[in-house]
């Protein structure tokens, strides 16, 4: 009996370890551009930031978009710096081809490569890069005129939620709360989105 109990940790340990390690998946890595220097990779990212609010707000908050070394990703040419917009799992919800097409309209050098690994789900929403509807443009124009207005960001977050663009709505409402932590309804919306995104 004691011998069996002593063996138990050795039997369970591999099971626990395998449960924690995510399985490798096939991804499309979305690359805006790059080159031999960090500045060469940063340039297309900076250009996209001027055109897409979502890119400005997400940089640093979820690790992408950002400049990376190509050596960090299997199957890419080595020794380069690349501007990575995100990685979309092939078995995920996002159609990477449609995403690349939408981003290319704003950043013509954008392309994707197929790689394998365990990166989670850092895939940007296609809706952030498609031309805005007339209703959405009203919100974007207001934010451009009132960049420090929590009300402007909150109204945009509500509109995005109503469209079912939950990931984007979450990022935008977080910006509203950063501008005014006590903005009415912002915390409730943030919590609602968190629940919807984890379902």
C-alpha atoms as a PDB file:
ATOM      1  CA  UNK A   1       0.000   0.000   0.000  1.00  0.00           C
ATOM      2  CA  UNK A   2       2.792   2.439   0.956  1.00  0.00           C
ATOM      3  CA  UNK A   3       4.632   1.580  -2.263  1.00  0.00           C
ATOM      4  CA  UNK A   4       1.508   2.451  -4.271  1.00  0.00           C
ATOM      5  CA  UNK A   5       1.135   5.784  -2.479  1.00  0.00           C
ATOM      6  CA  UNK A   6       4.780   6.604  -3.162  1.00  0.00           C
ATOM      7  CA  UNK A   7       4.275   5.871  -6.865  1.00  0.00           C
ATOM      8  CA  UNK A   8       1.150   8.043  -7.077  1.00  0.00           C
ATOM      9  CA  UNK A   9       2.997  11.400  -7.510  1.00  0.00           C
ATOM     10  CA  UNK A  10       5.027   9.924 -10.389  1.00  0.00           C
ATOM     11  CA  UNK A  11       1.844   8.771 -12.109  1.00  0.00           C
ATOM     12  CA  UNK A  12      -0.080  12.019 -11.573  1.00  0.00           C
ATOM     13  CA  UNK A  13       2.762  14.471 -12.310  1.00  0.00           C
ATOM     14  CA  UNK A  14       2.884  13.793 -16.081  1.00  0.00           C
ATOM     15  CA  UNK A  15      -0.918  14.059 -16.235  1.00  0.00           C
ATOM     16  CA  UNK A  16      -0.898  17.462 -14.504  1.00  0.00           C
ATOM     17  CA  UNK A  17       1.963  18.706 -16.695  1.00  0.00           C
ATOM     18  CA  UNK A  18       0.228  17.602 -19.899  1.00  0.00           C
ATOM     19  CA  UNK A  19      -3.024  19.276 -18.794  1.00  0.00           C
ATOM     20  CA  UNK A  20      -1.255  22.629 -18.286  1.00  0.00           C
ATOM     21  CA  UNK A  21       0.715  22.695 -21.540  1.00  0.00           C
ATOM     22  CA  UNK A  22      -1.359  23.975 -24.476  1.00  0.00           C
ATOM     23  CA  UNK A  23      -1.294  21.761 -27.547  1.00  0.00           C
ATOM     24  CA  UNK A  24       0.494  23.136 -30.619  1.00  0.00           C
ATOM     25  CA  UNK A  25      -1.864  24.490 -33.255  1.00  0.00           C
ATOM     26  CA  UNK A  26      -1.518  25.836 -36.781  1.00  0.00           C
ATOM     27  CA  UNK A  27      -1.633  29.626 -36.946  1.00  0.00           C
ATOM     28  CA  UNK A  28      -1.570  32.325 -39.577  1.00  0.00           C
ATOM     29  CA  UNK A  29       0.847  34.982 -38.328  1.00  0.00           C
ATOM     30  CA  UNK A  30      -0.242  38.383 -39.674  1.00  0.00           C
ATOM     31  CA  UNK A  31       2.790  40.528 -40.533  1.00  0.00           C
ATOM     32  CA  UNK A  32       2.561  44.201 -41.512  1.00  0.00           C
ATOM     33  CA  UNK A  33       6.149  44.378 -42.788  1.00  0.00           C
ATOM     34  CA  UNK A  34       9.693  44.283 -41.540  1.00  0.00           C
ATOM     35  CA  UNK A  35      13.365  44.409 -42.358  1.00  0.00           C
ATOM     36  CA  UNK A  36      16.869  44.086 -41.005  1.00  0.00           C
ATOM     37  CA  UNK A  37      16.383  46.804 -38.388  1.00  0.00           C
ATOM     38  CA  UNK A  38      13.826  47.370 -35.648  1.00  0.00           C
ATOM     39  CA  UNK A  39      13.021  50.769 -37.181  1.00  0.00           C
ATOM     40  CA  UNK A  40      12.136  49.119 -40.506  1.00  0.00           C
ATOM     41  CA  UNK A  41       9.571  46.945 -38.745  1.00  0.00           C
ATOM     42  CA  UNK A  42       8.253  49.770 -36.562  1.00  0.00           C
ATOM     43  CA  UNK A  43       7.494  52.006 -39.575  1.00  0.00           C
ATOM     44  CA  UNK A  44       4.460  50.067 -40.948  1.00  0.00           C
ATOM     45  CA  UNK A  45       3.110  49.683 -37.419  1.00  0.00           C
ATOM     46  CA  UNK A  46       3.317  53.431 -36.796  1.00  0.00           C
ATOM     47  CA  UNK A  47       1.639  54.097 -40.154  1.00  0.00           C
ATOM     48  CA  UNK A  48      -1.248  51.759 -39.268  1.00  0.00           C
ATOM     49  CA  UNK A  49      -1.629  53.340 -35.815  1.00  0.00           C
ATOM     50  CA  UNK A  50      -2.444  56.670 -37.470  1.00  0.00           C
ATOM     51  CA  UNK A  51      -5.294  55.057 -39.376  1.00  0.00           C
ATOM     52  CA  UNK A  52      -6.787  52.527 -36.942  1.00  0.00           C
ATOM     53  CA  UNK A  53      -7.893  53.492 -33.444  1.00  0.00           C
ATOM     54  CA  UNK A  54      -7.970  49.852 -32.319  1.00  0.00           C
ATOM     55  CA  UNK A  55      -4.234  49.429 -33.037  1.00  0.00           C
ATOM     56  CA  UNK A  56      -3.340  52.494 -30.953  1.00  0.00           C
ATOM     57  CA  UNK A  57      -5.388  51.309 -27.993  1.00  0.00           C
ATOM     58  CA  UNK A  58      -4.313  47.670 -27.976  1.00  0.00           C
ATOM     59  CA  UNK A  59      -0.559  48.074 -28.346  1.00  0.00           C
ATOM     60  CA  UNK A  60       1.014  46.682 -25.213  1.00  0.00           C
ATOM     61  CA  UNK A  61      -2.251  45.597 -23.595  1.00  0.00           C
ATOM     62  CA  UNK A  62      -2.374  42.110 -25.107  1.00  0.00           C
ATOM     63  CA  UNK A  63       1.195  41.778 -26.466  1.00  0.00           C
ATOM     64  CA  UNK A  64       0.176  42.515 -30.079  1.00  0.00           C
ATOM     65  CA  UNK A  65       0.613  44.379 -32.324  1.00  0.00           C
ATOM     66  CA  UNK A  66       4.346  44.704 -31.731  1.00  0.00           C
ATOM     67  CA  UNK A  67       7.776  44.379 -33.297  1.00  0.00           C
ATOM     68  CA  UNK A  68       9.334  40.939 -32.876  1.00  0.00           C
ATOM     69  CA  UNK A  69      12.366  39.010 -34.091  1.00  0.00           C
ATOM     70  CA  UNK A  70      11.546  36.558 -36.853  1.00  0.00           C
ATOM     71  CA  UNK A  71      13.783  34.011 -35.105  1.00  0.00           C
ATOM     72  CA  UNK A  72      11.073  33.658 -32.423  1.00  0.00           C
ATOM     73  CA  UNK A  73       8.672  32.046 -34.900  1.00  0.00           C
ATOM     74  CA  UNK A  74       9.344  28.677 -36.585  1.00  0.00           C
ATOM     75  CA  UNK A  75       9.368  28.651 -40.370  1.00  0.00           C
ATOM     76  CA  UNK A  76      10.098  32.349 -40.880  1.00  0.00           C
ATOM     77  CA  UNK A  77      13.299  33.707 -42.427  1.00  0.00           C
ATOM     78  CA  UNK A  78      15.827  34.321 -39.670  1.00  0.00           C
ATOM     79  CA  UNK A  79      17.615  37.522 -38.696  1.00  0.00           C
ATOM     80  CA  UNK A  80      14.781  39.968 -39.394  1.00  0.00           C
ATOM     81  CA  UNK A  81      12.545  42.269 -37.390  1.00  0.00           C
ATOM     82  CA  UNK A  82       8.830  41.963 -38.151  1.00  0.00           C
ATOM     83  CA  UNK A  83       5.735  43.972 -37.203  1.00  0.00           C
ATOM     84  CA  UNK A  84       3.304  41.303 -35.972  1.00  0.00           C
ATOM     85  CA  UNK A  85      -0.352  42.292 -35.899  1.00  0.00           C
ATOM     86  CA  UNK A  86      -1.420  39.005 -34.312  1.00  0.00           C
ATOM     87  CA  UNK A  87      -1.688  35.250 -34.735  1.00  0.00           C
ATOM     88  CA  UNK A  88      -4.930  33.588 -35.824  1.00  0.00           C
ATOM     89  CA  UNK A  89      -5.456  29.900 -35.107  1.00  0.00           C
ATOM     90  CA  UNK A  90      -6.691  27.981 -38.138  1.00  0.00           C
ATOM     91  CA  UNK A  91      -9.294  26.280 -35.941  1.00  0.00           C
ATOM     92  CA  UNK A  92     -10.436  29.653 -34.535  1.00  0.00           C
ATOM     93  CA  UNK A  93     -13.316  31.956 -35.462  1.00  0.00           C
ATOM     94  CA  UNK A  94     -11.392  34.440 -37.626  1.00  0.00           C
ATOM     95  CA  UNK A  95     -10.904  33.977 -41.355  1.00  0.00           C
ATOM     96  CA  UNK A  96      -7.244  35.012 -41.706  1.00  0.00           C
ATOM     97  CA  UNK A  97      -7.528  35.574 -45.480  1.00  0.00           C
ATOM     98  CA  UNK A  98     -10.394  38.032 -44.968  1.00  0.00           C
ATOM     99  CA  UNK A  99      -8.446  39.722 -42.180  1.00  0.00           C
ATOM    100  CA  UNK A 100      -5.314  40.125 -44.324  1.00  0.00           C
ATOM    101  CA  UNK A 101      -7.423  41.521 -47.172  1.00  0.00           C
ATOM    102  CA  UNK A 102      -9.022  44.080 -44.821  1.00  0.00           C
ATOM    103  CA  UNK A 103      -5.675  45.114 -43.311  1.00  0.00           C
ATOM    104  CA  UNK A 104      -3.998  45.329 -46.744  1.00  0.00           C
ATOM    105  CA  UNK A 105      -6.388  48.130 -47.687  1.00  0.00           C
ATOM    106  CA  UNK A 106      -4.727  50.152 -44.893  1.00  0.00           C
ATOM    107  CA  UNK A 107      -1.229  48.636 -44.895  1.00  0.00           C
ATOM    108  CA  UNK A 108      -0.432  47.308 -48.406  1.00  0.00           C
ATOM    109  CA  UNK A 109       2.650  45.323 -47.314  1.00  0.00           C
ATOM    110  CA  UNK A 110       0.629  43.026 -45.021  1.00  0.00           C
ATOM    111  CA  UNK A 111       0.963  39.268 -45.489  1.00  0.00           C
ATOM    112  CA  UNK A 112       0.497  36.058 -43.534  1.00  0.00           C
ATOM    113  CA  UNK A 113       2.528  32.881 -43.021  1.00  0.00           C
ATOM    114  CA  UNK A 114       1.486  29.532 -41.639  1.00  0.00           C
ATOM    115  CA  UNK A 115       3.337  28.474 -38.474  1.00  0.00           C
ATOM    116  CA  UNK A 116       2.871  25.910 -35.704  1.00  0.00           C
ATOM    117  CA  UNK A 117       3.055  26.555 -31.991  1.00  0.00           C
ATOM    118  CA  UNK A 118       1.101  27.324 -28.833  1.00  0.00           C
ATOM    119  CA  UNK A 119       0.351  31.056 -28.782  1.00  0.00           C
ATOM    120  CA  UNK A 120      -3.135  31.222 -27.275  1.00  0.00           C
ATOM    121  CA  UNK A 121      -5.619  33.336 -29.258  1.00  0.00           C
ATOM    122  CA  UNK A 122      -3.994  36.714 -30.041  1.00  0.00           C
ATOM    123  CA  UNK A 123      -6.037  37.249 -33.208  1.00  0.00           C
ATOM    124  CA  UNK A 124      -7.212  40.782 -34.012  1.00  0.00           C
ATOM    125  CA  UNK A 125     -10.872  41.317 -34.931  1.00  0.00           C
ATOM    126  CA  UNK A 126     -11.536  41.737 -38.655  1.00  0.00           C
ATOM    127  CA  UNK A 127     -14.090  44.452 -37.901  1.00  0.00           C
ATOM    128  CA  UNK A 128     -11.380  46.782 -36.645  1.00  0.00           C
ATOM    129  CA  UNK A 129      -9.943  47.026 -40.160  1.00  0.00           C
ATOM    130  CA  UNK A 130     -12.990  47.022 -42.413  1.00  0.00           C
ATOM    131  CA  UNK A 131     -14.284  50.410 -43.553  1.00  0.00           C
ATOM    132  CA  UNK A 132     -16.599  51.835 -40.877  1.00  0.00           C
ATOM    133  CA  UNK A 133     -20.329  52.079 -41.412  1.00  0.00           C
ATOM    134  CA  UNK A 134     -21.937  55.527 -41.370  1.00  0.00           C
ATOM    135  CA  UNK A 135     -23.013  54.926 -37.744  1.00  0.00           C
ATOM    136  CA  UNK A 136     -19.549  53.790 -36.666  1.00  0.00           C
ATOM    137  CA  UNK A 137     -17.912  56.738 -38.455  1.00  0.00           C
ATOM    138  CA  UNK A 138     -19.935  59.111 -36.243  1.00  0.00           C
ATOM    139  CA  UNK A 139     -18.298  57.534 -33.160  1.00  0.00           C
ATOM    140  CA  UNK A 140     -14.807  57.553 -34.680  1.00  0.00           C
ATOM    141  CA  UNK A 141     -15.168  61.201 -35.734  1.00  0.00           C
ATOM    142  CA  UNK A 142     -16.316  62.125 -32.226  1.00  0.00           C
ATOM    143  CA  UNK A 143     -13.298  60.357 -30.667  1.00  0.00           C
ATOM    144  CA  UNK A 144     -10.988  62.133 -33.119  1.00  0.00           C
ATOM    145  CA  UNK A 145     -12.483  65.489 -32.011  1.00  0.00           C
ATOM    146  CA  UNK A 146     -12.703  64.560 -28.300  1.00  0.00           C
ATOM    147  CA  UNK A 147      -9.766  62.182 -27.638  1.00  0.00           C
ATOM    148  CA  UNK A 148     -10.003  62.718 -23.858  1.00  0.00           C
ATOM    149  CA  UNK A 149     -13.776  62.161 -23.623  1.00  0.00           C
ATOM    150  CA  UNK A 150     -14.821  59.070 -21.667  1.00  0.00           C
ATOM    151  CA  UNK A 151     -18.362  59.642 -22.956  1.00  0.00           C
ATOM    152  CA  UNK A 152     -17.197  59.341 -26.576  1.00  0.00           C
ATOM    153  CA  UNK A 153     -15.393  56.062 -25.936  1.00  0.00           C
ATOM    154  CA  UNK A 154     -18.261  54.680 -23.850  1.00  0.00           C
ATOM    155  CA  UNK A 155     -20.822  55.435 -26.577  1.00  0.00           C
ATOM    156  CA  UNK A 156     -18.594  53.714 -29.146  1.00  0.00           C
ATOM    157  CA  UNK A 157     -18.162  50.668 -26.861  1.00  0.00           C
ATOM    158  CA  UNK A 158     -21.948  50.356 -26.483  1.00  0.00           C
ATOM    159  CA  UNK A 159     -22.392  50.516 -30.273  1.00  0.00           C
ATOM    160  CA  UNK A 160     -19.705  47.850 -30.802  1.00  0.00           C
ATOM    161  CA  UNK A 161     -21.351  45.573 -28.225  1.00  0.00           C
ATOM    162  CA  UNK A 162     -24.699  45.935 -29.987  1.00  0.00           C
ATOM    163  CA  UNK A 163     -22.987  44.869 -33.236  1.00  0.00           C
ATOM    164  CA  UNK A 164     -21.574  41.784 -31.518  1.00  0.00           C
ATOM    165  CA  UNK A 165     -17.993  43.071 -31.726  1.00  0.00           C
ATOM    166  CA  UNK A 166     -17.307  42.161 -28.112  1.00  0.00           C
ATOM    167  CA  UNK A 167     -13.479  42.114 -28.131  1.00  0.00           C
ATOM    168  CA  UNK A 168     -13.315  45.588 -29.608  1.00  0.00           C
ATOM    169  CA  UNK A 169     -16.026  46.864 -27.256  1.00  0.00           C
ATOM    170  CA  UNK A 170     -13.999  45.589 -24.281  1.00  0.00           C
ATOM    171  CA  UNK A 171     -10.878  47.469 -25.414  1.00  0.00           C
ATOM    172  CA  UNK A 172     -12.825  50.681 -26.055  1.00  0.00           C
ATOM    173  CA  UNK A 173     -14.710  50.631 -22.725  1.00  0.00           C
ATOM    174  CA  UNK A 174     -11.386  50.047 -20.933  1.00  0.00           C
ATOM    175  CA  UNK A 175     -10.156  53.254 -22.557  1.00  0.00           C
ATOM    176  CA  UNK A 176     -13.258  55.087 -21.304  1.00  0.00           C
ATOM    177  CA  UNK A 177     -12.530  53.852 -17.767  1.00  0.00           C
ATOM    178  CA  UNK A 178      -8.900  54.891 -18.039  1.00  0.00           C
ATOM    179  CA  UNK A 179     -10.049  58.413 -18.907  1.00  0.00           C
ATOM    180  CA  UNK A 180     -12.709  58.424 -16.165  1.00  0.00           C
ATOM    181  CA  UNK A 181     -12.696  55.425 -13.758  1.00  0.00           C
ATOM    182  CA  UNK A 182     -16.126  56.421 -12.415  1.00  0.00           C
ATOM    183  CA  UNK A 183     -17.861  57.013 -15.744  1.00  0.00           C
ATOM    184  CA  UNK A 184     -21.504  55.877 -15.310  1.00  0.00           C
ATOM    185  CA  UNK A 185     -22.151  52.425 -16.755  1.00  0.00           C
ATOM    186  CA  UNK A 186     -18.565  51.777 -17.865  1.00  0.00           C
ATOM    187  CA  UNK A 187     -17.673  49.312 -15.119  1.00  0.00           C
ATOM    188  CA  UNK A 188     -20.933  47.403 -15.607  1.00  0.00           C
ATOM    189  CA  UNK A 189     -20.357  47.219 -19.372  1.00  0.00           C
ATOM    190  CA  UNK A 190     -16.765  46.063 -18.853  1.00  0.00           C
ATOM    191  CA  UNK A 191     -17.917  43.294 -16.498  1.00  0.00           C
ATOM    192  CA  UNK A 192     -20.721  42.219 -18.852  1.00  0.00           C
ATOM    193  CA  UNK A 193     -18.274  42.000 -21.751  1.00  0.00           C
ATOM    194  CA  UNK A 194     -15.831  40.003 -19.639  1.00  0.00           C
ATOM    195  CA  UNK A 195     -18.565  37.429 -18.918  1.00  0.00           C
ATOM    196  CA  UNK A 196     -19.673  37.291 -22.566  1.00  0.00           C
ATOM    197  CA  UNK A 197     -16.085  36.890 -23.786  1.00  0.00           C
ATOM    198  CA  UNK A 198     -15.368  34.020 -21.382  1.00  0.00           C
ATOM    199  CA  UNK A 199     -18.541  32.052 -22.215  1.00  0.00           C
END
